[in-house]
């Protein structure tokens, strides 16, 4: 079973959605799932070095109390999934194009899923600036990639066209919020749904992939 996950690594609901998908898959241990992470930039117009988080919060919420209520609700949902969001550690909102390029690079070597998890953890638990090449190279090294080669890759243009093409395809599909899951390229689930919401789609996809034998 193939699952495309359209997401951004600075989206807290995408991190929560990843955990819920994992729990859903654990409820269907007989299924083998291949995950493909697809690029979606929540803020594609940010400068390459990102912006201070205070500036972002002011533009998005207008006042600190509104921001606190918003992130408090996410923190509650995160704890259910054993994610201890550390929003207070985040200092900058990064442009995530380089991070998406890194995920594509990692997928070539079977490290895409590992890198997605590492990027979520680096940003939301450690408050690291995952828009910076050096930070991304360090994360790649911990995930088993060559740091020097990763640094060289991110300093160039490789992967930019492909990442932006993925986002255009998502927009054409009508995707405006993430996470967005596409199962067997035909069954879509929008948002960080509870694990039980995935199961009917898994079962339909499995029945089509492995049709029952015809008797007689």
N, C-alpha and C. Protein backbone atom coordinates (compact mmCIF):
# COMPACT_ATOMS: atom_id res chain seq x y z
N UNK A 1 0.84 -1.19 0.00
CA UNK A 1 0.00 0.00 0.00
C UNK A 1 0.88 1.24 0.00
N UNK A 2 0.58 2.13 -0.92
CA UNK A 2 1.38 3.35 -1.04
C UNK A 2 0.61 4.53 -0.45
N UNK A 3 1.30 5.35 0.34
CA UNK A 3 0.68 6.54 0.93
C UNK A 3 1.56 7.74 0.63
N UNK A 4 0.97 8.71 -0.07
CA UNK A 4 1.62 10.00 -0.26
C UNK A 4 1.20 10.92 0.87
N UNK A 5 2.16 11.56 1.50
CA UNK A 5 1.88 12.48 2.61
C UNK A 5 2.33 13.87 2.20
N UNK A 6 1.36 14.74 1.99
CA UNK A 6 1.66 16.12 1.63
C UNK A 6 1.73 16.91 2.94
N UNK A 7 2.89 17.49 3.21
CA UNK A 7 3.09 18.07 4.53
C UNK A 7 4.21 19.10 4.50
N UNK A 8 4.27 19.88 5.58
CA UNK A 8 5.39 20.79 5.79
C UNK A 8 5.97 20.50 7.17
N UNK A 9 7.28 20.56 7.28
CA UNK A 9 7.93 20.17 8.53
C UNK A 9 7.91 21.27 9.58
N UNK A 10 7.29 22.42 9.30
CA UNK A 10 7.07 23.41 10.36
C UNK A 10 5.58 23.48 10.72
N UNK A 11 4.83 22.48 10.29
CA UNK A 11 3.41 22.40 10.62
C UNK A 11 3.22 21.45 11.80
N UNK A 12 2.80 21.95 12.96
CA UNK A 12 2.66 21.06 14.12
C UNK A 12 1.60 19.98 13.91
N UNK A 13 0.55 20.30 13.17
CA UNK A 13 -0.47 19.29 12.90
C UNK A 13 0.05 18.19 11.99
N UNK A 14 1.05 18.50 11.17
CA UNK A 14 1.67 17.46 10.34
C UNK A 14 2.45 16.48 11.21
N UNK A 15 3.11 16.98 12.25
CA UNK A 15 3.83 16.12 13.19
C UNK A 15 2.82 15.23 13.92
N UNK A 16 1.73 15.82 14.37
CA UNK A 16 0.68 15.06 15.03
C UNK A 16 0.07 14.04 14.06
N UNK A 17 -0.17 14.49 12.82
CA UNK A 17 -0.72 13.59 11.82
C UNK A 17 0.18 12.41 11.53
N UNK A 18 1.48 12.64 11.54
CA UNK A 18 2.45 11.55 11.35
C UNK A 18 2.29 10.50 12.44
N UNK A 19 2.18 10.94 13.67
CA UNK A 19 2.02 10.01 14.79
C UNK A 19 0.70 9.24 14.68
N UNK A 20 -0.36 9.92 14.28
CA UNK A 20 -1.66 9.25 14.16
C UNK A 20 -1.66 8.25 13.02
N UNK A 21 -1.00 8.59 11.92
CA UNK A 21 -0.86 7.62 10.84
C UNK A 21 -0.09 6.39 11.32
N UNK A 22 0.97 6.60 12.06
CA UNK A 22 1.75 5.48 12.58
C UNK A 22 0.90 4.58 13.48
N UNK A 23 0.06 5.21 14.30
CA UNK A 23 -0.83 4.41 15.15
C UNK A 23 -1.84 3.65 14.32
N UNK A 24 -2.35 4.28 13.27
CA UNK A 24 -3.30 3.60 12.39
C UNK A 24 -2.66 2.39 11.71
N UNK A 25 -1.44 2.55 11.23
CA UNK A 25 -0.74 1.44 10.59
C UNK A 25 -0.48 0.31 11.57
N UNK A 26 -0.23 0.66 12.83
CA UNK A 26 -0.02 -0.38 13.84
C UNK A 26 -1.27 -1.20 14.09
N UNK A 27 -2.43 -0.63 13.79
CA UNK A 27 -3.70 -1.36 13.93
C UNK A 27 -3.96 -2.29 12.75
N UNK A 28 -3.17 -2.18 11.71
CA UNK A 28 -3.26 -3.07 10.55
C UNK A 28 -1.88 -3.65 10.26
N UNK A 29 -1.36 -4.46 11.18
CA UNK A 29 0.02 -4.96 11.03
C UNK A 29 0.23 -5.84 9.81
N UNK A 30 -0.85 -6.36 9.24
CA UNK A 30 -0.72 -7.21 8.06
C UNK A 30 -0.42 -6.41 6.80
N UNK A 31 -0.62 -5.09 6.86
CA UNK A 31 -0.37 -4.25 5.70
C UNK A 31 1.08 -3.77 5.67
N UNK A 32 1.63 -3.71 4.48
CA UNK A 32 2.96 -3.12 4.28
C UNK A 32 2.76 -1.78 3.57
N UNK A 33 3.17 -0.71 4.23
CA UNK A 33 2.96 0.63 3.68
C UNK A 33 4.27 1.24 3.23
N UNK A 34 4.25 1.83 2.05
CA UNK A 34 5.38 2.61 1.56
C UNK A 34 4.96 4.08 1.60
N UNK A 35 5.69 4.89 2.34
CA UNK A 35 5.35 6.29 2.53
C UNK A 35 6.22 7.18 1.64
N UNK A 36 5.58 8.13 0.98
CA UNK A 36 6.31 9.14 0.19
C UNK A 36 5.89 10.51 0.70
N UNK A 37 6.88 11.27 1.18
CA UNK A 37 6.61 12.60 1.70
C UNK A 37 6.73 13.61 0.57
N UNK A 38 5.65 14.40 0.39
CA UNK A 38 5.58 15.35 -0.70
C UNK A 38 5.66 16.78 -0.16
N UNK A 39 6.41 17.61 -0.87
CA UNK A 39 6.68 18.97 -0.40
C UNK A 39 5.44 19.86 -0.46
N UNK A 40 5.26 20.62 0.61
CA UNK A 40 4.23 21.65 0.66
C UNK A 40 4.75 22.74 1.58
N UNK A 41 5.04 23.90 1.02
CA UNK A 41 5.54 25.02 1.82
C UNK A 41 4.37 25.85 2.32
N UNK A 42 4.21 25.93 3.61
CA UNK A 42 3.17 26.78 4.18
C UNK A 42 3.43 28.25 3.90
N UNK A 43 4.71 28.61 3.87
CA UNK A 43 5.08 30.01 3.67
C UNK A 43 6.16 30.11 2.58
N UNK A 44 5.79 29.83 1.34
CA UNK A 44 6.80 29.81 0.28
C UNK A 44 7.44 31.16 -0.02
N UNK A 45 6.79 32.25 0.42
CA UNK A 45 7.31 33.58 0.12
C UNK A 45 8.27 34.12 1.18
N UNK A 46 8.53 33.33 2.21
CA UNK A 46 9.49 33.79 3.23
C UNK A 46 10.88 33.93 2.62
N UNK A 47 11.67 34.85 3.12
CA UNK A 47 13.07 34.91 2.67
C UNK A 47 13.79 33.62 3.00
N UNK A 48 14.86 33.34 2.29
CA UNK A 48 15.56 32.06 2.45
C UNK A 48 16.07 31.85 3.87
N UNK A 49 16.33 32.92 4.60
CA UNK A 49 16.79 32.81 5.98
C UNK A 49 15.65 32.88 6.99
N UNK A 50 14.40 32.92 6.51
CA UNK A 50 13.27 32.93 7.42
C UNK A 50 13.05 34.30 8.04
N UNK A 51 12.16 34.32 9.05
CA UNK A 51 11.88 35.57 9.76
C UNK A 51 11.79 35.29 11.26
N UNK A 52 11.98 36.31 12.10
CA UNK A 52 11.83 36.10 13.55
C UNK A 52 10.42 35.61 13.88
N UNK A 53 10.33 34.70 14.81
CA UNK A 53 9.02 34.14 15.16
C UNK A 53 8.09 35.22 15.72
N UNK A 54 8.64 36.19 16.46
CA UNK A 54 7.81 37.25 17.02
C UNK A 54 7.10 38.03 15.92
N UNK A 55 7.80 38.27 14.83
CA UNK A 55 7.21 38.98 13.70
C UNK A 55 6.09 38.15 13.07
N UNK A 56 6.33 36.86 12.93
CA UNK A 56 5.32 35.96 12.37
C UNK A 56 4.07 35.92 13.25
N UNK A 57 4.26 35.78 14.56
CA UNK A 57 3.12 35.70 15.47
C UNK A 57 2.32 36.99 15.47
N UNK A 58 3.00 38.11 15.41
CA UNK A 58 2.31 39.39 15.38
C UNK A 58 1.46 39.53 14.13
N UNK A 59 2.00 39.10 12.99
CA UNK A 59 1.26 39.20 11.73
C UNK A 59 0.09 38.22 11.69
N UNK A 60 0.27 37.04 12.26
CA UNK A 60 -0.76 35.99 12.19
C UNK A 60 -1.86 36.18 13.22
N UNK A 61 -1.49 36.55 14.45
CA UNK A 61 -2.46 36.56 15.55
C UNK A 61 -2.79 37.96 16.06
N UNK A 62 -1.87 38.89 15.89
CA UNK A 62 -2.13 40.25 16.34
C UNK A 62 -1.81 40.49 17.80
N UNK A 63 -2.07 39.50 18.66
CA UNK A 63 -1.75 39.66 20.08
C UNK A 63 -1.31 38.33 20.66
N UNK A 64 -0.57 38.40 21.77
CA UNK A 64 0.03 37.21 22.35
C UNK A 64 -0.99 36.25 22.93
N UNK A 65 -2.10 36.75 23.45
CA UNK A 65 -3.09 35.87 24.07
C UNK A 65 -3.72 34.95 23.04
N UNK A 66 -3.98 35.46 21.84
CA UNK A 66 -4.54 34.63 20.77
C UNK A 66 -3.56 33.55 20.37
N UNK A 67 -2.28 33.92 20.27
CA UNK A 67 -1.25 32.93 19.93
C UNK A 67 -1.13 31.87 21.02
N UNK A 68 -1.19 32.29 22.27
CA UNK A 68 -1.07 31.34 23.37
C UNK A 68 -2.22 30.33 23.36
N UNK A 69 -3.42 30.78 23.09
CA UNK A 69 -4.57 29.86 23.03
C UNK A 69 -4.40 28.87 21.88
N UNK A 70 -3.94 29.37 20.74
CA UNK A 70 -3.76 28.52 19.57
C UNK A 70 -2.75 27.41 19.85
N UNK A 71 -1.59 27.78 20.39
CA UNK A 71 -0.54 26.79 20.62
C UNK A 71 -0.82 25.91 21.83
N UNK A 72 -1.60 26.40 22.77
CA UNK A 72 -1.98 25.56 23.91
C UNK A 72 -2.82 24.39 23.44
N UNK A 73 -3.73 24.63 22.50
CA UNK A 73 -4.57 23.54 21.98
C UNK A 73 -3.71 22.51 21.24
N UNK A 74 -2.72 22.98 20.50
CA UNK A 74 -1.84 22.06 19.79
C UNK A 74 -1.01 21.25 20.79
N UNK A 75 -0.56 21.90 21.85
CA UNK A 75 0.24 21.20 22.86
C UNK A 75 -0.55 20.07 23.51
N UNK A 76 -1.82 20.31 23.77
CA UNK A 76 -2.67 19.28 24.36
C UNK A 76 -2.78 18.08 23.42
N UNK A 77 -3.06 18.36 22.14
CA UNK A 77 -3.16 17.28 21.15
C UNK A 77 -1.82 16.56 21.01
N UNK A 78 -0.73 17.30 21.07
CA UNK A 78 0.59 16.70 20.95
C UNK A 78 0.91 15.74 22.08
N UNK A 79 0.54 16.11 23.29
CA UNK A 79 0.85 15.25 24.43
C UNK A 79 0.16 13.90 24.30
N UNK A 80 -1.03 13.88 23.73
CA UNK A 80 -1.72 12.61 23.50
C UNK A 80 -0.88 11.70 22.59
N UNK A 81 -0.15 12.32 21.67
CA UNK A 81 0.70 11.57 20.74
C UNK A 81 2.14 11.48 21.22
N UNK A 82 2.37 11.82 22.48
CA UNK A 82 3.71 11.78 23.09
C UNK A 82 4.68 12.73 22.40
N UNK A 83 4.16 13.87 22.00
CA UNK A 83 4.99 14.95 21.46
C UNK A 83 4.94 16.11 22.45
N UNK A 84 6.07 16.46 22.99
CA UNK A 84 6.15 17.58 23.93
C UNK A 84 6.65 18.81 23.16
N UNK A 85 5.72 19.49 22.53
CA UNK A 85 6.10 20.67 21.75
C UNK A 85 6.79 21.71 22.65
N UNK A 86 7.88 22.25 22.14
CA UNK A 86 8.62 23.29 22.88
C UNK A 86 8.59 24.57 22.03
N UNK A 87 7.40 25.13 21.88
CA UNK A 87 7.25 26.30 21.03
C UNK A 87 8.10 27.48 21.52
N UNK A 88 8.34 27.54 22.83
CA UNK A 88 9.11 28.65 23.38
C UNK A 88 10.57 28.62 22.94
N UNK A 89 11.04 27.49 22.44
CA UNK A 89 12.43 27.40 21.98
C UNK A 89 12.60 27.90 20.54
N UNK A 90 11.51 28.00 19.81
CA UNK A 90 11.59 28.39 18.40
C UNK A 90 11.82 29.90 18.30
N UNK A 91 12.87 30.28 17.61
CA UNK A 91 13.21 31.70 17.48
C UNK A 91 12.92 32.24 16.08
N UNK A 92 12.95 31.36 15.08
CA UNK A 92 12.73 31.82 13.71
C UNK A 92 11.76 30.88 13.00
N UNK A 93 10.97 31.45 12.09
CA UNK A 93 10.13 30.67 11.20
C UNK A 93 10.92 30.51 9.90
N UNK A 94 11.34 29.29 9.58
CA UNK A 94 12.22 29.13 8.43
C UNK A 94 11.46 29.00 7.11
N UNK A 95 12.14 29.32 6.04
CA UNK A 95 11.70 28.90 4.71
C UNK A 95 12.07 27.42 4.60
N UNK A 96 11.11 26.58 4.23
CA UNK A 96 11.34 25.12 4.31
C UNK A 96 11.73 24.47 2.99
N UNK A 97 12.02 25.27 1.96
CA UNK A 97 12.39 24.67 0.68
C UNK A 97 13.62 23.77 0.82
N UNK A 98 14.64 24.22 1.54
CA UNK A 98 15.83 23.39 1.71
C UNK A 98 15.52 22.11 2.47
N UNK A 99 14.66 22.21 3.47
CA UNK A 99 14.29 21.01 4.22
C UNK A 99 13.58 20.00 3.33
N UNK A 100 12.69 20.47 2.46
CA UNK A 100 12.01 19.56 1.54
C UNK A 100 12.99 18.95 0.55
N UNK A 101 13.95 19.72 0.11
CA UNK A 101 14.99 19.17 -0.78
C UNK A 101 15.79 18.10 -0.07
N UNK A 102 16.07 18.33 1.21
CA UNK A 102 16.81 17.33 1.98
C UNK A 102 16.02 16.03 2.10
N UNK A 103 14.71 16.13 2.32
CA UNK A 103 13.88 14.92 2.40
C UNK A 103 13.95 14.15 1.09
N UNK A 104 13.89 14.85 -0.03
CA UNK A 104 14.00 14.19 -1.33
C UNK A 104 15.35 13.50 -1.48
N UNK A 105 16.41 14.19 -1.06
CA UNK A 105 17.74 13.59 -1.13
C UNK A 105 17.80 12.33 -0.26
N UNK A 106 17.29 12.43 0.96
CA UNK A 106 17.30 11.28 1.85
C UNK A 106 16.52 10.10 1.31
N UNK A 107 15.41 10.39 0.61
CA UNK A 107 14.59 9.30 0.07
C UNK A 107 15.36 8.48 -0.95
N UNK A 108 16.30 9.08 -1.64
CA UNK A 108 17.11 8.34 -2.61
C UNK A 108 17.90 7.22 -1.93
N UNK A 109 18.24 7.44 -0.68
CA UNK A 109 19.07 6.48 0.06
C UNK A 109 18.28 5.75 1.14
N UNK A 110 16.97 5.78 1.02
CA UNK A 110 16.13 5.07 1.99
C UNK A 110 16.10 5.72 3.35
N UNK A 111 16.39 7.03 3.43
CA UNK A 111 16.44 7.72 4.71
C UNK A 111 15.40 8.84 4.80
N UNK A 112 14.45 8.84 3.87
CA UNK A 112 13.45 9.91 3.86
C UNK A 112 12.62 9.96 5.12
N UNK A 113 12.09 8.83 5.54
CA UNK A 113 11.24 8.78 6.73
C UNK A 113 12.03 9.18 7.97
N UNK A 114 13.26 8.72 8.06
CA UNK A 114 14.13 9.06 9.18
C UNK A 114 14.38 10.56 9.23
N UNK A 115 14.58 11.18 8.08
CA UNK A 115 14.85 12.61 8.03
C UNK A 115 13.62 13.42 8.39
N UNK A 116 12.45 12.99 7.95
CA UNK A 116 11.23 13.70 8.31
C UNK A 116 11.08 13.74 9.83
N UNK A 117 11.24 12.60 10.46
CA UNK A 117 11.15 12.54 11.92
C UNK A 117 12.20 13.45 12.57
N UNK A 118 13.43 13.39 12.04
CA UNK A 118 14.51 14.20 12.61
C UNK A 118 14.23 15.69 12.45
N UNK A 119 13.66 16.09 11.33
CA UNK A 119 13.36 17.50 11.10
C UNK A 119 12.25 17.98 12.02
N UNK A 120 11.20 17.19 12.17
CA UNK A 120 10.14 17.55 13.11
C UNK A 120 10.70 17.72 14.52
N UNK A 121 11.51 16.77 14.94
CA UNK A 121 12.05 16.82 16.30
C UNK A 121 12.99 18.01 16.48
N UNK A 122 13.83 18.25 15.48
CA UNK A 122 14.78 19.36 15.58
C UNK A 122 14.05 20.69 15.72
N UNK A 123 12.98 20.85 14.96
CA UNK A 123 12.27 22.13 14.97
C UNK A 123 11.38 22.28 16.19
N UNK A 124 10.53 21.29 16.44
CA UNK A 124 9.50 21.44 17.47
C UNK A 124 9.96 21.08 18.87
N UNK A 125 10.97 20.24 19.01
CA UNK A 125 11.43 19.86 20.34
C UNK A 125 12.70 20.60 20.75
N UNK A 126 13.56 20.88 19.75
CA UNK A 126 14.85 21.49 20.05
C UNK A 126 14.92 22.96 19.65
N UNK A 127 13.94 23.43 18.87
CA UNK A 127 13.93 24.82 18.45
C UNK A 127 15.03 25.19 17.48
N UNK A 128 15.50 24.22 16.69
CA UNK A 128 16.59 24.50 15.76
C UNK A 128 16.05 25.15 14.48
N UNK A 129 16.87 25.94 13.85
CA UNK A 129 16.50 26.65 12.62
C UNK A 129 16.75 25.72 11.44
N UNK A 130 15.70 25.02 11.00
CA UNK A 130 15.86 24.03 9.94
C UNK A 130 15.80 24.65 8.54
N UNK A 131 15.98 25.95 8.48
CA UNK A 131 16.13 26.61 7.19
C UNK A 131 17.59 26.81 6.82
N UNK A 132 18.49 26.59 7.78
CA UNK A 132 19.91 26.84 7.58
C UNK A 132 20.64 25.60 7.07
N UNK A 133 21.51 25.80 6.11
CA UNK A 133 22.23 24.68 5.49
C UNK A 133 23.03 23.90 6.53
N UNK A 134 23.74 24.60 7.40
CA UNK A 134 24.58 23.90 8.37
C UNK A 134 23.75 23.04 9.32
N UNK A 135 22.62 23.58 9.75
CA UNK A 135 21.73 22.81 10.62
C UNK A 135 21.22 21.58 9.90
N UNK A 136 20.81 21.74 8.66
CA UNK A 136 20.29 20.62 7.89
C UNK A 136 21.38 19.58 7.62
N UNK A 137 22.59 20.02 7.35
CA UNK A 137 23.69 19.08 7.13
C UNK A 137 23.96 18.26 8.38
N UNK A 138 23.88 18.91 9.53
CA UNK A 138 24.08 18.20 10.80
C UNK A 138 22.97 17.16 11.01
N UNK A 139 21.73 17.55 10.74
CA UNK A 139 20.62 16.61 10.88
C UNK A 139 20.78 15.45 9.91
N UNK A 140 21.22 15.75 8.68
CA UNK A 140 21.44 14.70 7.69
C UNK A 140 22.53 13.73 8.15
N UNK A 141 23.58 14.27 8.73
CA UNK A 141 24.66 13.41 9.23
C UNK A 141 24.18 12.45 10.29
N UNK A 142 23.35 12.93 11.20
CA UNK A 142 22.81 12.07 12.25
C UNK A 142 21.87 11.01 11.69
N UNK A 143 21.30 11.31 10.49
CA UNK A 143 20.38 10.36 9.86
C UNK A 143 21.10 9.38 8.93
N UNK A 144 22.43 9.53 8.85
CA UNK A 144 23.19 8.57 8.06
C UNK A 144 23.66 9.05 6.71
N UNK A 145 23.44 10.33 6.38
CA UNK A 145 23.92 10.88 5.12
C UNK A 145 25.27 11.56 5.32
N UNK A 146 26.01 11.72 4.24
CA UNK A 146 27.30 12.40 4.29
C UNK A 146 27.06 13.90 4.44
N UNK A 147 27.63 14.49 5.49
CA UNK A 147 27.38 15.90 5.76
C UNK A 147 27.95 16.81 4.68
N UNK A 148 29.15 16.53 4.24
CA UNK A 148 29.79 17.40 3.25
C UNK A 148 29.01 17.36 1.93
N UNK A 149 28.59 16.18 1.51
CA UNK A 149 27.83 16.06 0.27
C UNK A 149 26.46 16.73 0.41
N UNK A 150 25.88 16.60 1.58
CA UNK A 150 24.58 17.24 1.82
C UNK A 150 24.72 18.75 1.77
N UNK A 151 25.76 19.27 2.38
CA UNK A 151 26.01 20.71 2.39
C UNK A 151 26.17 21.23 0.96
N UNK A 152 26.92 20.49 0.15
CA UNK A 152 27.14 20.88 -1.24
C UNK A 152 25.82 20.84 -2.02
N UNK A 153 25.03 19.81 -1.79
CA UNK A 153 23.73 19.66 -2.46
C UNK A 153 22.81 20.84 -2.13
N UNK A 154 22.72 21.19 -0.86
CA UNK A 154 21.81 22.25 -0.45
C UNK A 154 22.28 23.63 -0.87
N UNK A 155 23.59 23.79 -1.05
CA UNK A 155 24.13 25.08 -1.48
C UNK A 155 23.85 25.35 -2.95
N UNK A 156 23.51 24.29 -3.71
CA UNK A 156 23.21 24.44 -5.13
C UNK A 156 21.71 24.51 -5.38
N UNK A 157 21.34 24.17 -6.60
CA UNK A 157 19.94 24.26 -7.02
C UNK A 157 19.26 22.91 -7.15
N UNK A 158 19.96 21.84 -6.90
CA UNK A 158 19.39 20.50 -7.10
C UNK A 158 18.14 20.32 -6.23
N UNK A 159 17.11 19.76 -6.83
CA UNK A 159 15.90 19.44 -6.08
C UNK A 159 14.90 20.56 -5.98
N UNK A 160 15.27 21.78 -6.35
CA UNK A 160 14.35 22.91 -6.22
C UNK A 160 13.17 22.75 -7.17
N UNK A 161 13.46 22.45 -8.42
CA UNK A 161 12.40 22.30 -9.42
C UNK A 161 11.41 21.22 -9.02
N UNK A 162 11.94 20.09 -8.54
CA UNK A 162 11.08 18.97 -8.18
C UNK A 162 10.21 19.29 -6.97
N UNK A 163 10.79 19.94 -5.97
CA UNK A 163 10.02 20.29 -4.78
C UNK A 163 8.91 21.27 -5.11
N UNK A 164 9.21 22.25 -5.94
CA UNK A 164 8.18 23.23 -6.31
C UNK A 164 7.11 22.59 -7.20
N UNK A 165 7.51 21.63 -8.02
CA UNK A 165 6.53 20.93 -8.85
C UNK A 165 5.57 20.12 -7.99
N UNK A 166 6.08 19.52 -6.92
CA UNK A 166 5.21 18.78 -6.01
C UNK A 166 4.17 19.71 -5.39
N UNK A 167 4.60 20.89 -5.01
CA UNK A 167 3.65 21.83 -4.41
C UNK A 167 2.60 22.27 -5.43
N UNK A 168 3.01 22.51 -6.66
CA UNK A 168 2.03 22.90 -7.68
C UNK A 168 1.02 21.78 -7.92
N UNK A 169 1.49 20.53 -7.92
CA UNK A 169 0.56 19.41 -8.09
C UNK A 169 -0.43 19.34 -6.94
N UNK A 170 0.06 19.59 -5.73
CA UNK A 170 -0.84 19.57 -4.57
C UNK A 170 -1.89 20.66 -4.69
N UNK A 171 -1.49 21.84 -5.12
CA UNK A 171 -2.45 22.93 -5.28
C UNK A 171 -3.50 22.58 -6.34
N UNK A 172 -3.04 21.95 -7.42
CA UNK A 172 -3.99 21.56 -8.47
C UNK A 172 -4.98 20.51 -7.96
N UNK A 173 -4.55 19.69 -7.01
CA UNK A 173 -5.45 18.71 -6.40
C UNK A 173 -6.45 19.36 -5.45
N UNK A 174 -6.24 20.65 -5.18
CA UNK A 174 -7.11 21.35 -4.25
C UNK A 174 -6.63 21.33 -2.82
N UNK A 175 -5.35 20.97 -2.62
CA UNK A 175 -4.79 20.93 -1.27
C UNK A 175 -4.40 22.35 -0.85
N UNK A 176 -5.00 22.81 0.23
CA UNK A 176 -4.67 24.14 0.75
C UNK A 176 -4.21 24.09 2.20
N UNK A 177 -4.51 22.98 2.88
CA UNK A 177 -4.05 22.79 4.25
C UNK A 177 -3.42 21.40 4.36
N UNK A 178 -2.50 21.29 5.27
CA UNK A 178 -1.81 20.02 5.48
C UNK A 178 -1.87 19.65 6.97
N UNK A 179 -1.71 18.34 7.26
CA UNK A 179 -1.33 17.24 6.38
C UNK A 179 -2.48 16.78 5.49
N UNK A 180 -2.09 16.12 4.41
CA UNK A 180 -3.04 15.59 3.45
C UNK A 180 -2.49 14.24 2.99
N UNK A 181 -3.26 13.21 3.17
CA UNK A 181 -2.81 11.85 2.89
C UNK A 181 -3.55 11.30 1.68
N UNK A 182 -2.81 10.73 0.75
CA UNK A 182 -3.41 10.10 -0.43
C UNK A 182 -3.00 8.63 -0.42
N UNK A 183 -3.98 7.76 -0.27
CA UNK A 183 -3.74 6.32 -0.14
C UNK A 183 -3.99 5.64 -1.47
N UNK A 184 -2.99 4.91 -1.93
CA UNK A 184 -3.08 4.21 -3.22
C UNK A 184 -3.51 5.14 -4.34
N UNK A 185 -3.05 6.39 -4.23
CA UNK A 185 -3.27 7.40 -5.28
C UNK A 185 -4.75 7.62 -5.62
N UNK A 186 -5.64 7.26 -4.70
CA UNK A 186 -7.04 7.43 -5.01
C UNK A 186 -7.93 7.80 -3.85
N UNK A 187 -7.46 7.63 -2.61
CA UNK A 187 -8.29 7.85 -1.43
C UNK A 187 -7.61 8.87 -0.54
N UNK A 188 -8.26 10.01 -0.34
CA UNK A 188 -7.63 11.13 0.35
C UNK A 188 -8.22 11.33 1.73
N UNK A 189 -7.34 11.71 2.65
CA UNK A 189 -7.73 12.09 4.01
C UNK A 189 -7.05 13.41 4.31
N UNK A 190 -7.84 14.42 4.64
CA UNK A 190 -7.30 15.74 4.93
C UNK A 190 -7.27 15.99 6.43
N UNK A 191 -6.14 16.51 6.89
CA UNK A 191 -6.01 16.86 8.30
C UNK A 191 -5.41 15.75 9.15
N UNK A 192 -5.09 16.12 10.39
CA UNK A 192 -4.48 15.18 11.34
C UNK A 192 -5.59 14.36 12.01
N UNK A 193 -6.18 13.47 11.23
CA UNK A 193 -7.32 12.70 11.70
C UNK A 193 -6.89 11.63 12.72
N UNK A 194 -7.84 11.22 13.55
CA UNK A 194 -7.58 10.13 14.50
C UNK A 194 -7.30 8.84 13.73
N UNK A 195 -6.54 7.92 14.33
CA UNK A 195 -6.17 6.67 13.63
C UNK A 195 -7.35 5.92 13.03
N UNK A 196 -8.48 5.91 13.74
CA UNK A 196 -9.63 5.15 13.27
C UNK A 196 -10.17 5.66 11.93
N UNK A 197 -9.89 6.91 11.60
CA UNK A 197 -10.37 7.47 10.34
C UNK A 197 -9.62 6.89 9.14
N UNK A 198 -8.40 6.41 9.37
CA UNK A 198 -7.61 5.84 8.28
C UNK A 198 -8.05 4.41 7.93
N UNK A 199 -8.58 3.70 8.90
CA UNK A 199 -8.78 2.25 8.73
C UNK A 199 -9.70 1.88 7.57
N UNK A 200 -10.85 2.55 7.40
CA UNK A 200 -11.68 2.18 6.24
C UNK A 200 -10.96 2.37 4.91
N UNK A 201 -10.15 3.43 4.80
CA UNK A 201 -9.39 3.66 3.57
C UNK A 201 -8.34 2.58 3.37
N UNK A 202 -7.68 2.18 4.46
CA UNK A 202 -6.72 1.08 4.37
C UNK A 202 -7.40 -0.18 3.85
N UNK A 203 -8.55 -0.48 4.40
CA UNK A 203 -9.25 -1.72 4.04
C UNK A 203 -9.70 -1.70 2.59
N UNK A 204 -10.19 -0.54 2.12
CA UNK A 204 -10.60 -0.43 0.72
C UNK A 204 -9.39 -0.60 -0.19
N UNK A 205 -8.30 0.10 0.15
CA UNK A 205 -7.10 0.01 -0.67
C UNK A 205 -6.55 -1.41 -0.72
N UNK A 206 -6.59 -2.10 0.43
CA UNK A 206 -6.09 -3.47 0.49
C UNK A 206 -6.96 -4.41 -0.34
N UNK A 207 -8.26 -4.21 -0.32
CA UNK A 207 -9.15 -5.09 -1.06
C UNK A 207 -8.98 -4.92 -2.56
N UNK A 208 -8.63 -3.72 -2.99
CA UNK A 208 -8.42 -3.47 -4.41
C UNK A 208 -7.05 -4.02 -4.84
N UNK A 209 -6.06 -3.83 -3.97
CA UNK A 209 -4.72 -4.32 -4.29
C UNK A 209 -4.66 -5.83 -4.30
N UNK A 210 -5.44 -6.47 -3.44
CA UNK A 210 -5.43 -7.94 -3.33
C UNK A 210 -6.85 -8.46 -3.46
N UNK A 211 -7.41 -8.46 -4.67
CA UNK A 211 -8.78 -8.88 -4.86
C UNK A 211 -8.99 -10.34 -4.45
N UNK A 212 -10.16 -10.58 -3.94
CA UNK A 212 -10.49 -11.94 -3.51
C UNK A 212 -10.48 -12.87 -4.72
N UNK A 213 -10.00 -14.12 -4.57
CA UNK A 213 -9.99 -15.05 -5.70
C UNK A 213 -11.40 -15.39 -6.16
N UNK A 214 -11.52 -15.57 -7.46
CA UNK A 214 -12.80 -15.94 -8.03
C UNK A 214 -13.00 -17.44 -7.91
N UNK A 215 -14.09 -17.83 -7.31
CA UNK A 215 -14.35 -19.25 -7.10
C UNK A 215 -14.96 -19.86 -8.36
N UNK A 216 -14.73 -21.18 -8.50
CA UNK A 216 -15.38 -21.92 -9.56
C UNK A 216 -14.56 -22.07 -10.80
